[in-house]
Amino acid sequence: MIVPMSVVLGLSAVLFGIGLFGFLARRNIILMFVSIEVMLNAVNLSLAGFSWHLGDPRGQILALFVIAVAAAEAGIGLGLVIALNRNKPGAGVADLTQLKW
């Protein structure tokens, strides 16, 4: 069964919208990072869909690079959350000003 490209792009747009809403509506750092990961996975889905539709592997290779960037972003975000929790329990965005020198 072949899935039409419009279904893949529609699912990607819905996932990106959910991630964007989660990023804008939440003030918890961890939930904001999860929302960013959902948006990056939506982009990966559309890249893989276009790659499959066009028969060109460059989209899949680019999706692998996006996964690597997402892993680096998660590592940096985890470091920020740990540094923030050492100063004050809780993971609010407003508390990030305490991390200044």
PDB file of N, CA and C in Angstrom:
ATOM      1  N   MET A   1       0.846  -1.187   0.000  1.00  0.00           N
ATOM      2  CA  MET A   1       0.000   0.000   0.000  1.00  0.00           C
ATOM      3  C   MET A   1       0.888   1.245   0.000  1.00  0.00           C
ATOM      4  N   ILE A   2       0.677   2.094  -0.969  1.00  0.00           N
ATOM      5  CA  ILE A   2       1.474   3.316  -1.104  1.00  0.00           C
ATOM      6  C   ILE A   2       0.711   4.470  -0.469  1.00  0.00           C
ATOM      7  N   VAL A   3       1.395   5.175   0.417  1.00  0.00           N
ATOM      8  CA  VAL A   3       0.795   6.321   1.098  1.00  0.00           C
ATOM      9  C   VAL A   3       0.996   7.556   0.216  1.00  0.00           C
ATOM     10  N   PRO A   4      -0.061   8.316  -0.047  1.00  0.00           N
ATOM     11  CA  PRO A   4       0.091   9.523  -0.873  1.00  0.00           C
ATOM     12  C   PRO A   4       0.958  10.575  -0.164  1.00  0.00           C
ATOM     13  N   MET A   5       1.617  11.385  -0.958  1.00  0.00           N
ATOM     14  CA  MET A   5       2.494  12.426  -0.410  1.00  0.00           C
ATOM     15  C   MET A   5       1.708  13.453   0.388  1.00  0.00           C
ATOM     16  N   SER A   6       0.461  13.680   0.024  1.00  0.00           N
ATOM     17  CA  SER A   6      -0.346  14.657   0.762  1.00  0.00           C
ATOM     18  C   SER A   6      -0.611  14.193   2.187  1.00  0.00           C
ATOM     19  N   VAL A   7      -0.730  12.888   2.402  1.00  0.00           N
ATOM     20  CA  VAL A   7      -0.938  12.366   3.754  1.00  0.00           C
ATOM     21  C   VAL A   7       0.327  12.549   4.585  1.00  0.00           C
ATOM     22  N   VAL A   8       1.469  12.293   3.986  1.00  0.00           N
ATOM     23  CA  VAL A   8       2.743  12.462   4.700  1.00  0.00           C
ATOM     24  C   VAL A   8       2.957  13.923   5.070  1.00  0.00           C
ATOM     25  N   LEU A   9       2.710  14.827   4.128  1.00  0.00           N
ATOM     26  CA  LEU A   9       2.874  16.253   4.412  1.00  0.00           C
ATOM     27  C   LEU A   9       1.838  16.755   5.411  1.00  0.00           C
ATOM     28  N   GLY A  10       0.614  16.229   5.346  1.00  0.00           N
ATOM     29  CA  GLY A  10      -0.408  16.613   6.309  1.00  0.00           C
ATOM     30  C   GLY A  10      -0.040  16.177   7.717  1.00  0.00           C
ATOM     31  N   LEU A  11       0.445  14.945   7.858  1.00  0.00           N
ATOM     32  CA  LEU A  11       0.873  14.464   9.172  1.00  0.00           C
ATOM     33  C   LEU A  11       2.059  15.268   9.678  1.00  0.00           C
ATOM     34  N   SER A  12       2.977  15.592   8.791  1.00  0.00           N
ATOM     35  CA  SER A  12       4.119  16.415   9.173  1.00  0.00           C
ATOM     36  C   SER A  12       3.678  17.797   9.636  1.00  0.00           C
ATOM     37  N   ALA A  13       2.723  18.395   8.949  1.00  0.00           N
ATOM     38  CA  ALA A  13       2.226  19.720   9.342  1.00  0.00           C
ATOM     39  C   ALA A  13       1.508  19.668  10.684  1.00  0.00           C
ATOM     40  N   VAL A  14       0.732  18.606  10.912  1.00  0.00           N
ATOM     41  CA  VAL A  14       0.034  18.465  12.198  1.00  0.00           C
ATOM     42  C   VAL A  14       1.039  18.295  13.326  1.00  0.00           C
ATOM     43  N   LEU A  15       2.050  17.460  13.133  1.00  0.00           N
ATOM     44  CA  LEU A  15       3.080  17.272  14.151  1.00  0.00           C
ATOM     45  C   LEU A  15       3.837  18.568  14.421  1.00  0.00           C
ATOM     46  N   PHE A  16       4.154  19.307  13.375  1.00  0.00           N
ATOM     47  CA  PHE A  16       4.855  20.570  13.560  1.00  0.00           C
ATOM     48  C   PHE A  16       3.974  21.564  14.309  1.00  0.00           C
ATOM     49  N   GLY A  17       2.689  21.596  13.995  1.00  0.00           N
ATOM     50  CA  GLY A  17       1.772  22.489  14.709  1.00  0.00           C
ATOM     51  C   GLY A  17       1.646  22.132  16.177  1.00  0.00           C
ATOM     52  N   ILE A  18       1.591  20.835  16.491  1.00  0.00           N
ATOM     53  CA  ILE A  18       1.525  20.404  17.882  1.00  0.00           C
ATOM     54  C   ILE A  18       2.797  20.818  18.627  1.00  0.00           C
ATOM     55  N   GLY A  19       3.942  20.630  17.971  1.00  0.00           N
ATOM     56  CA  GLY A  19       5.201  21.030  18.595  1.00  0.00           C
ATOM     57  C   GLY A  19       5.299  22.530  18.788  1.00  0.00           C
ATOM     58  N   LEU A  20       4.842  23.297  17.816  1.00  0.00           N
ATOM     59  CA  LEU A  20       4.874  24.753  17.927  1.00  0.00           C
ATOM     60  C   LEU A  20       3.957  25.241  19.038  1.00  0.00           C
ATOM     61  N   PHE A  21       2.768  24.667  19.124  1.00  0.00           N
ATOM     62  CA  PHE A  21       1.852  25.043  20.201  1.00  0.00           C
ATOM     63  C   PHE A  21       2.443  24.681  21.561  1.00  0.00           C
ATOM     64  N   GLY A  22       3.037  23.493  21.659  1.00  0.00           N
ATOM     65  CA  GLY A  22       3.648  23.079  22.922  1.00  0.00           C
ATOM     66  C   GLY A  22       4.794  23.983  23.318  1.00  0.00           C
ATOM     67  N   PHE A  23       5.566  24.450  22.344  1.00  0.00           N
ATOM     68  CA  PHE A  23       6.682  25.344  22.656  1.00  0.00           C
ATOM     69  C   PHE A  23       6.200  26.709  23.120  1.00  0.00           C
ATOM     70  N   LEU A  24       5.172  27.229  22.468  1.00  0.00           N
ATOM     71  CA  LEU A  24       4.695  28.565  22.805  1.00  0.00           C
ATOM     72  C   LEU A  24       3.820  28.591  24.054  1.00  0.00           C
ATOM     73  N   ALA A  25       3.163  27.483  24.368  1.00  0.00           N
ATOM     74  CA  ALA A  25       2.209  27.482  25.471  1.00  0.00           C
ATOM     75  C   ALA A  25       2.836  27.087  26.807  1.00  0.00           C
ATOM     76  N   ARG A  26       3.980  26.438  26.799  1.00  0.00           N
ATOM     77  CA  ARG A  26       4.568  25.924  28.036  1.00  0.00           C
ATOM     78  C   ARG A  26       5.684  26.837  28.523  1.00  0.00           C
ATOM     79  N   ARG A  27       5.880  26.835  29.842  1.00  0.00           N
ATOM     80  CA  ARG A  27       6.974  27.573  30.451  1.00  0.00           C
ATOM     81  C   ARG A  27       7.965  26.649  31.137  1.00  0.00           C
ATOM     82  N   ASN A  28       7.789  25.348  30.994  1.00  0.00           N
ATOM     83  CA  ASN A  28       8.704  24.377  31.552  1.00  0.00           C
ATOM     84  C   ASN A  28       9.768  24.063  30.502  1.00  0.00           C
ATOM     85  N   ILE A  29      11.026  24.121  30.895  1.00  0.00           N
ATOM     86  CA  ILE A  29      12.108  23.950  29.932  1.00  0.00           C
ATOM     87  C   ILE A  29      12.088  22.558  29.312  1.00  0.00           C
ATOM     88  N   ILE A  30      11.843  21.554  30.112  1.00  0.00           N
ATOM     89  CA  ILE A  30      11.862  20.180  29.604  1.00  0.00           C
ATOM     90  C   ILE A  30      10.761  19.979  28.563  1.00  0.00           C
ATOM     91  N   LEU A  31       9.573  20.488  28.843  1.00  0.00           N
ATOM     92  CA  LEU A  31       8.482  20.365  27.871  1.00  0.00           C
ATOM     93  C   LEU A  31       8.754  21.180  26.607  1.00  0.00           C
ATOM     94  N   MET A  32       9.472  22.285  26.756  1.00  0.00           N
ATOM     95  CA  MET A  32       9.839  23.063  25.572  1.00  0.00           C
ATOM     96  C   MET A  32      10.819  22.290  24.693  1.00  0.00           C
ATOM     97  N   PHE A  33      11.774  21.585  25.323  1.00  0.00           N
ATOM     98  CA  PHE A  33      12.705  20.771  24.547  1.00  0.00           C
ATOM     99  C   PHE A  33      11.992  19.602  23.871  1.00  0.00           C
ATOM    100  N   VAL A  34      11.029  19.005  24.548  1.00  0.00           N
ATOM    101  CA  VAL A  34      10.257  17.925  23.935  1.00  0.00           C
ATOM    102  C   VAL A  34       9.482  18.455  22.726  1.00  0.00           C
ATOM    103  N   SER A  35       8.939  19.660  22.845  1.00  0.00           N
ATOM    104  CA  SER A  35       8.208  20.265  21.726  1.00  0.00           C
ATOM    105  C   SER A  35       9.134  20.543  20.547  1.00  0.00           C
ATOM    106  N   ILE A  36      10.355  20.983  20.828  1.00  0.00           N
ATOM    107  CA  ILE A  36      11.321  21.206  19.750  1.00  0.00           C
ATOM    108  C   ILE A  36      11.661  19.889  19.063  1.00  0.00           C
ATOM    109  N   GLU A  37      11.786  18.823  19.855  1.00  0.00           N
ATOM    110  CA  GLU A  37      12.066  17.508  19.268  1.00  0.00           C
ATOM    111  C   GLU A  37      10.911  17.049  18.370  1.00  0.00           C
ATOM    112  N   VAL A  38       9.674  17.331  18.770  1.00  0.00           N
ATOM    113  CA  VAL A  38       8.514  16.968  17.942  1.00  0.00           C
ATOM    114  C   VAL A  38       8.557  17.742  16.619  1.00  0.00           C
ATOM    115  N   MET A  39       8.919  19.029  16.679  1.00  0.00           N
ATOM    116  CA  MET A  39       9.016  19.816  15.451  1.00  0.00           C
ATOM    117  C   MET A  39      10.128  19.295  14.547  1.00  0.00           C
ATOM    118  N   LEU A  40      11.274  18.930  15.133  1.00  0.00           N
ATOM    119  CA  LEU A  40      12.363  18.391  14.316  1.00  0.00           C
ATOM    120  C   LEU A  40      11.977  17.051  13.697  1.00  0.00           C
ATOM    121  N   ASN A  41      11.228  16.235  14.423  1.00  0.00           N
ATOM    122  CA  ASN A  41      10.779  14.963  13.852  1.00  0.00           C
ATOM    123  C   ASN A  41       9.756  15.176  12.740  1.00  0.00           C
ATOM    124  N   ALA A  42       8.961  16.228  12.835  1.00  0.00           N
ATOM    125  CA  ALA A  42       8.035  16.550  11.743  1.00  0.00           C
ATOM    126  C   ALA A  42       8.813  16.924  10.483  1.00  0.00           C
ATOM    127  N   VAL A  43       9.882  17.683  10.655  1.00  0.00           N
ATOM    128  CA  VAL A  43      10.731  18.031   9.512  1.00  0.00           C
ATOM    129  C   VAL A  43      11.386  16.776   8.936  1.00  0.00           C
ATOM    130  N   ASN A  44      11.840  15.880   9.820  1.00  0.00           N
ATOM    131  CA  ASN A  44      12.439  14.625   9.346  1.00  0.00           C
ATOM    132  C   ASN A  44      11.434  13.796   8.555  1.00  0.00           C
ATOM    133  N   LEU A  45      10.192  13.780   9.006  1.00  0.00           N
ATOM    134  CA  LEU A  45       9.156  13.032   8.291  1.00  0.00           C
ATOM    135  C   LEU A  45       8.937  13.597   6.895  1.00  0.00           C
ATOM    136  N   SER A  46       8.879  14.906   6.783  1.00  0.00           N
ATOM    137  CA  SER A  46       8.684  15.490   5.457  1.00  0.00           C
ATOM    138  C   SER A  46       9.916  15.289   4.571  1.00  0.00           C
ATOM    139  N   LEU A  47      11.122  15.370   5.157  1.00  0.00           N
ATOM    140  CA  LEU A  47      12.331  15.104   4.369  1.00  0.00           C
ATOM    141  C   LEU A  47      12.353  13.671   3.850  1.00  0.00           C
ATOM    142  N   ALA A  48      12.012  12.719   4.719  1.00  0.00           N
ATOM    143  CA  ALA A  48      12.001  11.317   4.290  1.00  0.00           C
ATOM    144  C   ALA A  48      10.905  11.075   3.259  1.00  0.00           C
ATOM    145  N   GLY A  49       9.767  11.735   3.425  1.00  0.00           N
ATOM    146  CA  GLY A  49       8.684  11.584   2.451  1.00  0.00           C
ATOM    147  C   GLY A  49       9.069  12.114   1.081  1.00  0.00           C
ATOM    148  N   PHE A  50       9.662  13.304   1.051  1.00  0.00           N
ATOM    149  CA  PHE A  50      10.104  13.855  -0.234  1.00  0.00           C
ATOM    150  C   PHE A  50      11.211  13.007  -0.837  1.00  0.00           C
ATOM    151  N   SER A  51      12.106  12.509   0.010  1.00  0.00           N
ATOM    152  CA  SER A  51      13.184  11.661  -0.485  1.00  0.00           C
ATOM    153  C   SER A  51      12.633  10.397  -1.138  1.00  0.00           C
ATOM    154  N   TRP A  52      11.659   9.793  -0.484  1.00  0.00           N
ATOM    155  CA  TRP A  52      11.061   8.577  -1.047  1.00  0.00           C
ATOM    156  C   TRP A  52      10.276   8.895  -2.323  1.00  0.00           C
ATOM    157  N   HIS A  53       9.543  10.014  -2.305  1.00  0.00           N
ATOM    158  CA  HIS A  53       8.718  10.385  -3.458  1.00  0.00           C
ATOM    159  C   HIS A  53       9.574  10.689  -4.691  1.00  0.00           C
ATOM    160  N   LEU A  54      10.701  11.353  -4.475  1.00  0.00           N
ATOM    161  CA  LEU A  54      11.557  11.741  -5.594  1.00  0.00           C
ATOM    162  C   LEU A  54      12.587  10.672  -5.949  1.00  0.00           C
ATOM    163  N   GLY A  55      12.749   9.671  -5.083  1.00  0.00           N
ATOM    164  CA  GLY A  55      13.729   8.620  -5.354  1.00  0.00           C
ATOM    165  C   GLY A  55      15.166   9.075  -5.168  1.00  0.00           C
ATOM    166  N   ASP A  56      15.376  10.080  -4.333  1.00  0.00           N
ATOM    167  CA  ASP A  56      16.700  10.648  -4.112  1.00  0.00           C
ATOM    168  C   ASP A  56      17.067  10.484  -2.637  1.00  0.00           C
ATOM    169  N   PRO A  57      18.192   9.891  -2.304  1.00  0.00           N
ATOM    170  CA  PRO A  57      18.534   9.642  -0.895  1.00  0.00           C
ATOM    171  C   PRO A  57      19.043  10.869  -0.139  1.00  0.00           C
ATOM    172  N   ARG A  58      19.169  12.017  -0.805  1.00  0.00           N
ATOM    173  CA  ARG A  58      19.708  13.195  -0.113  1.00  0.00           C
ATOM    174  C   ARG A  58      18.810  13.672   1.025  1.00  0.00           C
ATOM    175  N   GLY A  59      17.517  13.509   0.899  1.00  0.00           N
ATOM    176  CA  GLY A  59      16.607  13.901   1.971  1.00  0.00           C
ATOM    177  C   GLY A  59      16.793  13.045   3.212  1.00  0.00           C
ATOM    178  N   GLN A  60      17.044  11.754   3.012  1.00  0.00           N
ATOM    179  CA  GLN A  60      17.280  10.870   4.151  1.00  0.00           C
ATOM    180  C   GLN A  60      18.609  11.184   4.818  1.00  0.00           C
ATOM    181  N   ILE A  61      19.612  11.541   4.036  1.00  0.00           N
ATOM    182  CA  ILE A  61      20.899  11.924   4.603  1.00  0.00           C
ATOM    183  C   ILE A  61      20.761  13.214   5.405  1.00  0.00           C
ATOM    184  N   LEU A  62      20.010  14.162   4.871  1.00  0.00           N
ATOM    185  CA  LEU A  62      19.769  15.405   5.605  1.00  0.00           C
ATOM    186  C   LEU A  62      18.994  15.139   6.892  1.00  0.00           C
ATOM    187  N   ALA A  63      18.071  14.190   6.872  1.00  0.00           N
ATOM    188  CA  ALA A  63      17.336  13.825   8.085  1.00  0.00           C
ATOM    189  C   ALA A  63      18.279  13.259   9.138  1.00  0.00           C
ATOM    190  N   LEU A  64      19.294  12.508   8.728  1.00  0.00           N
ATOM    191  CA  LEU A  64      20.284  12.017   9.681  1.00  0.00           C
ATOM    192  C   LEU A  64      21.058  13.163  10.323  1.00  0.00           C
ATOM    193  N   PHE A  65      21.384  14.188   9.544  1.00  0.00           N
ATOM    194  CA  PHE A  65      22.047  15.360  10.113  1.00  0.00           C
ATOM    195  C   PHE A  65      21.132  16.092  11.092  1.00  0.00           C
ATOM    196  N   VAL A  66      19.850  16.165  10.792  1.00  0.00           N
ATOM    197  CA  VAL A  66      18.897  16.802  11.711  1.00  0.00           C
ATOM    198  C   VAL A  66      18.814  16.012  13.009  1.00  0.00           C
ATOM    199  N   ILE A  67      18.865  14.688  12.928  1.00  0.00           N
ATOM    200  CA  ILE A  67      18.862  13.857  14.134  1.00  0.00           C
ATOM    201  C   ILE A  67      20.109  14.134  14.963  1.00  0.00           C
ATOM    202  N   ALA A  68      21.259  14.303  14.313  1.00  0.00           N
ATOM    203  CA  ALA A  68      22.496  14.618  15.041  1.00  0.00           C
ATOM    204  C   ALA A  68      22.405  15.976  15.725  1.00  0.00           C
ATOM    205  N   VAL A  69      21.833  16.965  15.054  1.00  0.00           N
ATOM    206  CA  VAL A  69      21.657  18.288  15.656  1.00  0.00           C
ATOM    207  C   VAL A  69      20.688  18.203  16.829  1.00  0.00           C
ATOM    208  N   ALA A  70      19.649  17.399  16.704  1.00  0.00           N
ATOM    209  CA  ALA A  70      18.688  17.232  17.794  1.00  0.00           C
ATOM    210  C   ALA A  70      19.339  16.581  19.006  1.00  0.00           C
ATOM    211  N   ALA A  71      20.249  15.639  18.772  1.00  0.00           N
ATOM    212  CA  ALA A  71      20.953  15.005  19.885  1.00  0.00           C
ATOM    213  C   ALA A  71      21.853  16.018  20.594  1.00  0.00           C
ATOM    214  N   ALA A  72      22.539  16.853  19.834  1.00  0.00           N
ATOM    215  CA  ALA A  72      23.378  17.890  20.447  1.00  0.00           C
ATOM    216  C   ALA A  72      22.529  18.889  21.216  1.00  0.00           C
ATOM    217  N   GLU A  73      21.383  19.244  20.666  1.00  0.00           N
ATOM    218  CA  GLU A  73      20.467  20.177  21.347  1.00  0.00           C
ATOM    219  C   GLU A  73      19.953  19.578  22.639  1.00  0.00           C
ATOM    220  N   ALA A  74      19.664  18.288  22.645  1.00  0.00           N
ATOM    221  CA  ALA A  74      19.189  17.634  23.865  1.00  0.00           C
ATOM    222  C   ALA A  74      20.284  17.596  24.921  1.00  0.00           C
ATOM    223  N   GLY A  75      21.525  17.370  24.506  1.00  0.00           N
ATOM    224  CA  GLY A  75      22.631  17.364  25.459  1.00  0.00           C
ATOM    225  C   GLY A  75      22.866  18.725  26.084  1.00  0.00           C
ATOM    226  N   ILE A  76      22.834  19.777  25.277  1.00  0.00           N
ATOM    227  CA  ILE A  76      23.004  21.133  25.799  1.00  0.00           C
ATOM    228  C   ILE A  76      21.830  21.512  26.689  1.00  0.00           C
ATOM    229  N   GLY A  77      20.628  21.147  26.270  1.00  0.00           N
ATOM    230  CA  GLY A  77      19.452  21.446  27.087  1.00  0.00           C
ATOM    231  C   GLY A  77      19.480  20.728  28.425  1.00  0.00           C
ATOM    232  N   LEU A  78      19.919  19.479  28.431  1.00  0.00           N
ATOM    233  CA  LEU A  78      20.027  18.743  29.684  1.00  0.00           C
ATOM    234  C   LEU A  78      21.053  19.390  30.604  1.00  0.00           C
ATOM    235  N   GLY A  79      22.155  19.852  30.042  1.00  0.00           N
ATOM    236  CA  GLY A  79      23.154  20.559  30.853  1.00  0.00           C
ATOM    237  C   GLY A  79      22.598  21.835  31.467  1.00  0.00           C
ATOM    238  N   LEU A  80      21.808  22.579  30.694  1.00  0.00           N
ATOM    239  CA  LEU A  80      21.184  23.789  31.238  1.00  0.00           C
ATOM    240  C   LEU A  80      20.194  23.469  32.348  1.00  0.00           C
ATOM    241  N   VAL A  81      19.407  22.417  32.163  1.00  0.00           N
ATOM    242  CA  VAL A  81      18.431  22.043  33.188  1.00  0.00           C
ATOM    243  C   VAL A  81      19.134  21.602  34.461  1.00  0.00           C
ATOM    244  N   ILE A  82      20.221  20.853  34.344  1.00  0.00           N
ATOM    245  CA  ILE A  82      20.967  20.424  35.531  1.00  0.00           C
ATOM    246  C   ILE A  82      21.583  21.624  36.241  1.00  0.00           C
ATOM    247  N   ALA A  83      22.154  22.557  35.487  1.00  0.00           N
ATOM    248  CA  ALA A  83      22.727  23.753  36.099  1.00  0.00           C
ATOM    249  C   ALA A  83      21.653  24.599  36.774  1.00  0.00           C
ATOM    250  N   LEU A  84      20.485  24.661  36.170  1.00  0.00           N
ATOM    251  CA  LEU A  84      19.389  25.429  36.759  1.00  0.00           C
ATOM    252  C   LEU A  84      18.872  24.764  38.026  1.00  0.00           C
ATOM    253  N   ASN A  85      18.761  23.440  38.017  1.00  0.00           N
ATOM    254  CA  ASN A  85      18.246  22.731  39.191  1.00  0.00           C
ATOM    255  C   ASN A  85      19.219  22.749  40.359  1.00  0.00           C
ATOM    256  N   ARG A  86      20.484  22.961  40.111  1.00  0.00           N
ATOM    257  CA  ARG A  86      21.432  23.090  41.209  1.00  0.00           C
ATOM    258  C   ARG A  86      21.200  24.389  41.978  1.00  0.00           C
ATOM    259  N   ASN A  87      20.810  25.437  41.269  1.00  0.00           N
ATOM    260  CA  ASN A  87      20.565  26.722  41.922  1.00  0.00           C
ATOM    261  C   ASN A  87      19.201  26.782  42.581  1.00  0.00           C
ATOM    262  N   LYS A  88      18.190  26.301  41.900  1.00  0.00           N
ATOM    263  CA  LYS A  88      16.823  26.406  42.396  1.00  0.00           C
ATOM    264  C   LYS A  88      16.012  25.253  41.820  1.00  0.00           C
ATOM    265  N   PRO A  89      15.304  24.500  42.665  1.00  0.00           N
ATOM    266  CA  PRO A  89      14.465  23.415  42.133  1.00  0.00           C
ATOM    267  C   PRO A  89      13.366  23.963  41.215  1.00  0.00           C
ATOM    268  N   GLY A  90      13.054  23.217  40.197  1.00  0.00           N
ATOM    269  CA  GLY A  90      12.051  23.650  39.214  1.00  0.00           C
ATOM    270  C   GLY A  90      12.736  23.976  37.908  1.00  0.00           C
ATOM    271  N   ALA A  91      12.016  23.862  36.843  1.00  0.00           N
ATOM    272  CA  ALA A  91      12.594  24.090  35.525  1.00  0.00           C
ATOM    273  C   ALA A  91      11.779  25.113  34.769  1.00  0.00           C
ATOM    274  N   GLY A  92      11.758  26.339  35.269  1.00  0.00           N
ATOM    275  CA  GLY A  92      11.019  27.404  34.600  1.00  0.00           C
ATOM    276  C   GLY A  92      11.927  28.229  33.710  1.00  0.00           C
ATOM    277  N   VAL A  93      11.372  28.787  32.661  1.00  0.00           N
ATOM    278  CA  VAL A  93      12.145  29.604  31.734  1.00  0.00           C
ATOM    279  C   VAL A  93      12.568  30.897  32.412  1.00  0.00           C
ATOM    280  N   ALA A  94      11.742  31.438  33.277  1.00  0.00           N
ATOM    281  CA  ALA A  94      12.058  32.695  33.943  1.00  0.00           C
ATOM    282  C   ALA A  94      13.258  32.551  34.884  1.00  0.00           C
ATOM    283  N   ASP A  95      13.554  31.331  35.298  1.00  0.00           N
ATOM    284  CA  ASP A  95      14.681  31.103  36.210  1.00  0.00           C
ATOM    285  C   ASP A  95      16.016  31.044  35.504  1.00  0.00           C
ATOM    286  N   LEU A  96      16.032  31.091  34.186  1.00  0.00           N
ATOM    287  CA  LEU A  96      17.293  31.031  33.442  1.00  0.00           C
ATOM    288  C   LEU A  96      18.152  32.269  33.638  1.00  0.00           C
ATOM    289  N   THR A  97      17.590  33.381  34.079  1.00  0.00           N
ATOM    290  CA  THR A  97      18.382  34.576  34.318  1.00  0.00           C
ATOM    291  C   THR A  97      19.330  34.395  35.490  1.00  0.00           C
ATOM    292  N   GLN A  98      19.105  33.389  36.320  1.00  0.00           N
ATOM    293  CA  GLN A  98      19.992  33.129  37.455  1.00  0.00           C
ATOM    294  C   GLN A  98      21.303  32.495  37.012  1.00  0.00           C
ATOM    295  N   LEU A  99      21.397  32.022  35.788  1.00  0.00           N
ATOM    296  CA  LEU A  99      22.595  31.363  35.294  1.00  0.00           C
ATOM    297  C   LEU A  99      23.630  32.345  34.774  1.00  0.00           C
ATOM    298  N   LYS A 100      23.357  33.661  34.877  1.00  0.00           N
ATOM    299  CA  LYS A 100      24.330  34.650  34.410  1.00  0.00           C
ATOM    300  C   LYS A 100      25.532  34.655  35.334  1.00  0.00           C
ATOM    301  N   TRP A 101      26.651  35.146  34.802  1.00  0.00           N
ATOM    302  CA  TRP A 101      27.882  35.174  35.584  1.00  0.00           C
ATOM    303  C   TRP A 101      27.747  36.124  36.701  1.00  0.00           C
TER     304      TRP A 101
END
